[in-house]
Amino acid sequence: TPPYKDERGEGGGWVEAAPSFNDEL
């Protein structure tokens, strides 16, 4: 779920996300 980050953090598991994307919908 949002909020999303402007930059990828440390470690693995990060995925690219669009600002409008909401998993609940």
PDB file of all heavy atoms in Angstrom:
ATOM      1  N   THR A   1       0.800  -1.216   0.000  1.00  0.00           N
ATOM      2  CA  THR A   1       0.000   0.000   0.000  1.00  0.00           C
ATOM      3  C   THR A   1       0.844   1.283   0.000  1.00  0.00           C
ATOM      4  O   THR A   1       1.972   1.287   0.492  1.00  0.00           O
ATOM      5  CB  THR A   1      -0.903  -0.009   1.251  1.00  0.00           C
ATOM      6  OG1 THR A   1      -1.719   1.140   1.261  1.00  0.00           O
ATOM      7  CG2 THR A   1      -0.084  -0.030   2.530  1.00  0.00           C
ATOM      8  N   PRO A   2       0.299   2.395  -0.530  1.00  0.00           N
ATOM      9  CA  PRO A   2       0.947   3.700  -0.371  1.00  0.00           C
ATOM     10  C   PRO A   2       1.017   4.055   1.126  1.00  0.00           C
ATOM     11  O   PRO A   2       0.293   3.457   1.933  1.00  0.00           O
ATOM     12  CB  PRO A   2       0.018   4.655  -1.134  1.00  0.00           C
ATOM     13  CG  PRO A   2      -0.785   3.790  -2.043  1.00  0.00           C
ATOM     14  CD  PRO A   2      -0.928   2.479  -1.336  1.00  0.00           C
ATOM     15  N   PRO A   3       1.873   5.024   1.539  1.00  0.00           N
ATOM     16  CA  PRO A   3       2.666   5.916   0.677  1.00  0.00           C
ATOM     17  C   PRO A   3       3.919   5.233   0.124  1.00  0.00           C
ATOM     18  O   PRO A   3       4.452   4.303   0.732  1.00  0.00           O
ATOM     19  CB  PRO A   3       3.039   7.050   1.634  1.00  0.00           C
ATOM     20  CG  PRO A   3       3.076   6.398   2.987  1.00  0.00           C
ATOM     21  CD  PRO A   3       1.991   5.370   2.971  1.00  0.00           C
ATOM     22  N   TYR A   4       4.365   5.740  -1.028  1.00  0.00           N
ATOM     23  CA  TYR A   4       5.558   5.240  -1.682  1.00  0.00           C
ATOM     24  C   TYR A   4       6.719   6.213  -1.489  1.00  0.00           C
ATOM     25  O   TYR A   4       6.525   7.361  -1.100  1.00  0.00           O
ATOM     26  CB  TYR A   4       5.290   5.024  -3.175  1.00  0.00           C
ATOM     27  CG  TYR A   4       4.137   4.081  -3.455  1.00  0.00           C
ATOM     28  CD1 TYR A   4       3.196   4.373  -4.446  1.00  0.00           C
ATOM     29  CD2 TYR A   4       3.978   2.898  -2.737  1.00  0.00           C
ATOM     30  CE1 TYR A   4       2.145   3.506  -4.711  1.00  0.00           C
ATOM     31  CE2 TYR A   4       2.934   2.031  -2.996  1.00  0.00           C
ATOM     32  CZ  TYR A   4       2.012   2.343  -3.981  1.00  0.00           C
ATOM     33  OH  TYR A   4       0.979   1.485  -4.238  1.00  0.00           O
ATOM     34  N   LYS A   5       7.925   5.740  -1.805  1.00  0.00           N
ATOM     35  CA  LYS A   5       9.134   6.550  -1.608  1.00  0.00           C
ATOM     36  C   LYS A   5       9.660   7.077  -2.945  1.00  0.00           C
ATOM     37  O   LYS A   5       9.472   6.457  -3.985  1.00  0.00           O
ATOM     38  CB  LYS A   5      10.221   5.711  -0.926  1.00  0.00           C
ATOM     39  CG  LYS A   5       9.890   5.295   0.506  1.00  0.00           C
ATOM     40  CD  LYS A   5      11.035   4.485   1.102  1.00  0.00           C
ATOM     41  CE  LYS A   5      10.745   4.108   2.548  1.00  0.00           C
ATOM     42  NZ  LYS A   5      10.684   5.274   3.437  1.00  0.00           N
ATOM     43  N   ASP A   6      10.364   8.202  -2.859  1.00  0.00           N
ATOM     44  CA  ASP A   6      10.957   8.782  -4.060  1.00  0.00           C
ATOM     45  C   ASP A   6      12.182   8.006  -4.524  1.00  0.00           C
ATOM     46  O   ASP A   6      12.534   8.029  -5.709  1.00  0.00           O
ATOM     47  CB  ASP A   6      11.363  10.245  -3.816  1.00  0.00           C
ATOM     48  CG  ASP A   6      10.152  11.154  -3.661  1.00  0.00           C
ATOM     49  OD1 ASP A   6       9.112  10.848  -4.272  1.00  0.00           O
ATOM     50  OD2 ASP A   6      10.245  12.147  -2.927  1.00  0.00           O
ATOM     51  N   GLU A   7      12.853   7.344  -3.591  1.00  0.00           N
ATOM     52  CA  GLU A   7      14.071   6.610  -3.926  1.00  0.00           C
ATOM     53  C   GLU A   7      14.019   5.203  -3.351  1.00  0.00           C
ATOM     54  O   GLU A   7      13.366   4.955  -2.327  1.00  0.00           O
ATOM     55  CB  GLU A   7      15.305   7.331  -3.372  1.00  0.00           C
ATOM     56  CG  GLU A   7      15.566   8.694  -3.990  1.00  0.00           C
ATOM     57  CD  GLU A   7      16.813   9.344  -3.443  1.00  0.00           C
ATOM     58  OE1 GLU A   7      17.340   8.855  -2.420  1.00  0.00           O
ATOM     59  OE2 GLU A   7      17.263  10.318  -4.046  1.00  0.00           O
ATOM     60  N   ARG A   8      14.721   4.309  -4.018  1.00  0.00           N
ATOM     61  CA  ARG A   8      14.826   2.940  -3.512  1.00  0.00           C
ATOM     62  C   ARG A   8      15.706   2.928  -2.270  1.00  0.00           C
ATOM     63  O   ARG A   8      16.780   3.532  -2.255  1.00  0.00           O
ATOM     64  CB  ARG A   8      15.406   2.035  -4.598  1.00  0.00           C
ATOM     65  CG  ARG A   8      15.644   0.602  -4.124  1.00  0.00           C
ATOM     66  CD  ARG A   8      15.931  -0.355  -5.262  1.00  0.00           C
ATOM     67  NE  ARG A   8      16.941   0.119  -6.190  1.00  0.00           N
ATOM     68  CZ  ARG A   8      17.356  -0.555  -7.242  1.00  0.00           C
ATOM     69  NH1 ARG A   8      16.818  -1.736  -7.514  1.00  0.00           N
ATOM     70  NH2 ARG A   8      18.276  -0.093  -8.036  1.00  0.00           N
ATOM     71  N   GLY A   9      15.261   2.210  -1.230  1.00  0.00           N
ATOM     72  CA  GLY A   9      16.035   2.124  -0.007  1.00  0.00           C
ATOM     73  C   GLY A   9      17.090   1.028  -0.058  1.00  0.00           C
ATOM     74  O   GLY A   9      17.310   0.391  -1.098  1.00  0.00           O
ATOM     75  N   GLU A  10      17.738   0.795   1.050  1.00  0.00           N
ATOM     76  CA  GLU A  10      18.764  -0.231   1.144  1.00  0.00           C
ATOM     77  C   GLU A  10      18.130  -1.624   1.166  1.00  0.00           C
ATOM     78  O   GLU A  10      17.006  -1.809   1.605  1.00  0.00           O
ATOM     79  CB  GLU A  10      19.598  -0.024   2.408  1.00  0.00           C
ATOM     80  CG  GLU A  10      20.384   1.278   2.438  1.00  0.00           C
ATOM     81  CD  GLU A  10      21.442   1.342   1.362  1.00  0.00           C
ATOM     82  OE1 GLU A  10      22.030   0.290   1.054  1.00  0.00           O
ATOM     83  OE2 GLU A  10      21.681   2.441   0.806  1.00  0.00           O
ATOM     84  N   GLY A  11      18.878  -2.610   0.691  1.00  0.00           N
ATOM     85  CA  GLY A  11      18.424  -3.991   0.717  1.00  0.00           C
ATOM     86  C   GLY A  11      17.553  -4.356  -0.469  1.00  0.00           C
ATOM     87  O   GLY A  11      17.313  -3.544  -1.368  1.00  0.00           O
ATOM     88  N   GLY A  12      17.076  -5.605  -0.473  1.00  0.00           N
ATOM     89  CA  GLY A  12      16.282  -6.103  -1.594  1.00  0.00           C
ATOM     90  C   GLY A  12      14.792  -5.938  -1.367  1.00  0.00           C
ATOM     91  O   GLY A  12      14.336  -5.388  -0.370  1.00  0.00           O
ATOM     92  N   GLY A  13      14.025  -6.418  -2.330  1.00  0.00           N
ATOM     93  CA  GLY A  13      12.576  -6.424  -2.206  1.00  0.00           C
ATOM     94  C   GLY A  13      11.870  -5.174  -2.680  1.00  0.00           C
ATOM     95  O   GLY A  13      10.639  -5.095  -2.610  1.00  0.00           O
ATOM     96  N   TRP A  14      12.612  -4.196  -3.177  1.00  0.00           N
ATOM     97  CA  TRP A  14      11.981  -2.960  -3.625  1.00  0.00           C
ATOM     98  C   TRP A  14      11.405  -3.130  -5.025  1.00  0.00           C
ATOM     99  O   TRP A  14      12.027  -3.726  -5.898  1.00  0.00           O
ATOM    100  CB  TRP A  14      12.987  -1.808  -3.626  1.00  0.00           C
ATOM    101  CG  TRP A  14      13.372  -1.380  -2.244  1.00  0.00           C
ATOM    102  CD1 TRP A  14      14.427  -1.842  -1.506  1.00  0.00           C
ATOM    103  CD2 TRP A  14      12.684  -0.437  -1.423  1.00  0.00           C
ATOM    104  NE1 TRP A  14      14.440  -1.238  -0.273  1.00  0.00           N
ATOM    105  CE2 TRP A  14      13.382  -0.367  -0.193  1.00  0.00           C
ATOM    106  CE3 TRP A  14      11.557   0.352  -1.597  1.00  0.00           C
ATOM    107  CZ2 TRP A  14      12.984   0.458   0.843  1.00  0.00           C
ATOM    108  CZ3 TRP A  14      11.153   1.180  -0.566  1.00  0.00           C
ATOM    109  CH2 TRP A  14      11.860   1.234   0.642  1.00  0.00           C
ATOM    110  N   VAL A  15      10.210  -2.598  -5.233  1.00  0.00           N
ATOM    111  CA  VAL A  15       9.567  -2.663  -6.554  1.00  0.00           C
ATOM    112  C   VAL A  15       9.160  -1.262  -6.990  1.00  0.00           C
ATOM    113  O   VAL A  15       8.925  -0.370  -6.164  1.00  0.00           O
ATOM    114  CB  VAL A  15       8.342  -3.595  -6.554  1.00  0.00           C
ATOM    115  CG1 VAL A  15       8.726  -5.012  -6.180  1.00  0.00           C
ATOM    116  CG2 VAL A  15       7.258  -3.081  -5.618  1.00  0.00           C
ATOM    117  N   GLU A  16       9.074  -1.103  -8.296  1.00  0.00           N
ATOM    118  CA  GLU A  16       8.692   0.183  -8.876  1.00  0.00           C
ATOM    119  C   GLU A  16       7.176   0.346  -8.793  1.00  0.00           C
ATOM    120  O   GLU A  16       6.435  -0.590  -9.061  1.00  0.00           O
ATOM    121  CB  GLU A  16       9.151   0.239 -10.335  1.00  0.00           C
ATOM    122  CG  GLU A  16      10.666   0.137 -10.482  1.00  0.00           C
ATOM    123  CD  GLU A  16      11.092  -0.404 -11.844  1.00  0.00           C
ATOM    124  OE1 GLU A  16      10.837  -1.603 -12.086  1.00  0.00           O
ATOM    125  OE2 GLU A  16      11.675   0.357 -12.634  1.00  0.00           O
ATOM    126  N   ALA A  17       6.729   1.574  -8.461  1.00  0.00           N
ATOM    127  CA  ALA A  17       5.289   1.804  -8.268  1.00  0.00           C
ATOM    128  C   ALA A  17       4.883   3.156  -8.848  1.00  0.00           C
ATOM    129  O   ALA A  17       5.614   4.141  -8.722  1.00  0.00           O
ATOM    130  CB  ALA A  17       4.941   1.754  -6.787  1.00  0.00           C
ATOM    131  N   ALA A  18       3.715   3.170  -9.461  1.00  0.00           N
ATOM    132  CA  ALA A  18       3.149   4.424  -9.966  1.00  0.00           C
ATOM    133  C   ALA A  18       2.478   5.173  -8.826  1.00  0.00           C
ATOM    134  O   ALA A  18       1.884   4.560  -7.932  1.00  0.00           O
ATOM    135  CB  ALA A  18       2.143   4.132 -11.071  1.00  0.00           C
ATOM    136  N   PRO A  19       2.538   6.504  -8.823  1.00  0.00           N
ATOM    137  CA  PRO A  19       1.926   7.292  -7.740  1.00  0.00           C
ATOM    138  C   PRO A  19       0.443   6.985  -7.540  1.00  0.00           C
ATOM    139  O   PRO A  19      -0.067   7.054  -6.415  1.00  0.00           O
ATOM    140  CB  PRO A  19       2.145   8.737  -8.200  1.00  0.00           C
ATOM    141  CG  PRO A  19       3.335   8.679  -9.108  1.00  0.00           C
ATOM    142  CD  PRO A  19       3.254   7.347  -9.790  1.00  0.00           C
ATOM    143  N   SER A  20      -0.263   6.614  -8.612  1.00  0.00           N
ATOM    144  CA  SER A  20      -1.715   6.400  -8.522  1.00  0.00           C
ATOM    145  C   SER A  20      -2.101   4.983  -8.122  1.00  0.00           C
ATOM    146  O   SER A  20      -3.276   4.698  -7.909  1.00  0.00           O
ATOM    147  CB  SER A  20      -2.361   6.719  -9.876  1.00  0.00           C
ATOM    148  OG  SER A  20      -1.859   5.834 -10.879  1.00  0.00           O
ATOM    149  N   PHE A  21      -1.141   4.084  -8.003  1.00  0.00           N
ATOM    150  CA  PHE A  21      -1.461   2.668  -7.794  1.00  0.00           C
ATOM    151  C   PHE A  21      -1.844   2.400  -6.345  1.00  0.00           C
ATOM    152  O   PHE A  21      -1.111   2.738  -5.425  1.00  0.00           O
ATOM    153  CB  PHE A  21      -0.274   1.790  -8.190  1.00  0.00           C
ATOM    154  CG  PHE A  21      -0.614   0.331  -8.294  1.00  0.00           C
ATOM    155  CD1 PHE A  21      -1.146  -0.186  -9.455  1.00  0.00           C
ATOM    156  CD2 PHE A  21      -0.414  -0.519  -7.219  1.00  0.00           C
ATOM    157  CE1 PHE A  21      -1.475  -1.529  -9.563  1.00  0.00           C
ATOM    158  CE2 PHE A  21      -0.734  -1.866  -7.306  1.00  0.00           C
ATOM    159  CZ  PHE A  21      -1.262  -2.367  -8.484  1.00  0.00           C
ATOM    160  N   ASN A  22      -2.988   1.755  -6.151  1.00  0.00           N
ATOM    161  CA  ASN A  22      -3.473   1.396  -4.821  1.00  0.00           C
ATOM    162  C   ASN A  22      -3.885  -0.074  -4.844  1.00  0.00           C
ATOM    163  O   ASN A  22      -4.810  -0.456  -5.571  1.00  0.00           O
ATOM    164  CB  ASN A  22      -4.666   2.278  -4.437  1.00  0.00           C
ATOM    165  CG  ASN A  22      -5.137   2.047  -3.012  1.00  0.00           C
ATOM    166  OD1 ASN A  22      -4.937   0.976  -2.447  1.00  0.00           O
ATOM    167  ND2 ASN A  22      -5.778   3.044  -2.422  1.00  0.00           N
ATOM    168  N   ASP A  23      -3.209  -0.897  -4.061  1.00  0.00           N
ATOM    169  CA  ASP A  23      -3.455  -2.337  -4.122  1.00  0.00           C
ATOM    170  C   ASP A  23      -4.879  -2.716  -3.742  1.00  0.00           C
ATOM    171  O   ASP A  23      -5.425  -3.708  -4.214  1.00  0.00           O
ATOM    172  CB  ASP A  23      -2.430  -3.109  -3.284  1.00  0.00           C
ATOM    173  CG  ASP A  23      -2.396  -2.705  -1.818  1.00  0.00           C
ATOM    174  OD1 ASP A  23      -3.108  -1.752  -1.437  1.00  0.00           O
ATOM    175  OD2 ASP A  23      -1.646  -3.342  -1.039  1.00  0.00           O
ATOM    176  N   GLU A  24      -5.543  -1.940  -2.882  1.00  0.00           N
ATOM    177  CA  GLU A  24      -6.912  -2.251  -2.468  1.00  0.00           C
ATOM    178  C   GLU A  24      -7.933  -2.128  -3.602  1.00  0.00           C
ATOM    179  O   GLU A  24      -9.025  -2.668  -3.502  1.00  0.00           O
ATOM    180  CB  GLU A  24      -7.351  -1.306  -1.342  1.00  0.00           C
ATOM    181  CG  GLU A  24      -6.695  -1.574  -0.006  1.00  0.00           C
ATOM    182  CD  GLU A  24      -7.246  -0.670   1.078  1.00  0.00           C
ATOM    183  OE1 GLU A  24      -7.820   0.388   0.745  1.00  0.00           O
ATOM    184  OE2 GLU A  24      -7.102  -1.023   2.266  1.00  0.00           O
ATOM    185  N   LEU A  25      -7.576  -1.416  -4.652  1.00  0.00           N
ATOM    186  CA  LEU A  25      -8.539  -1.123  -5.718  1.00  0.00           C
ATOM    187  C   LEU A  25      -8.328  -1.980  -6.968  1.00  0.00           C
ATOM    188  O   LEU A  25      -9.039  -1.802  -7.960  1.00  0.00           O
ATOM    189  CB  LEU A  25      -8.462   0.364  -6.094  1.00  0.00           C
ATOM    190  CG  LEU A  25      -8.668   1.355  -4.946  1.00  0.00           C
ATOM    191  CD1 LEU A  25      -8.581   2.780  -5.463  1.00  0.00           C
ATOM    192  CD2 LEU A  25      -9.988   1.113  -4.230  1.00  0.00           C
TER     193      LEU A  25
END
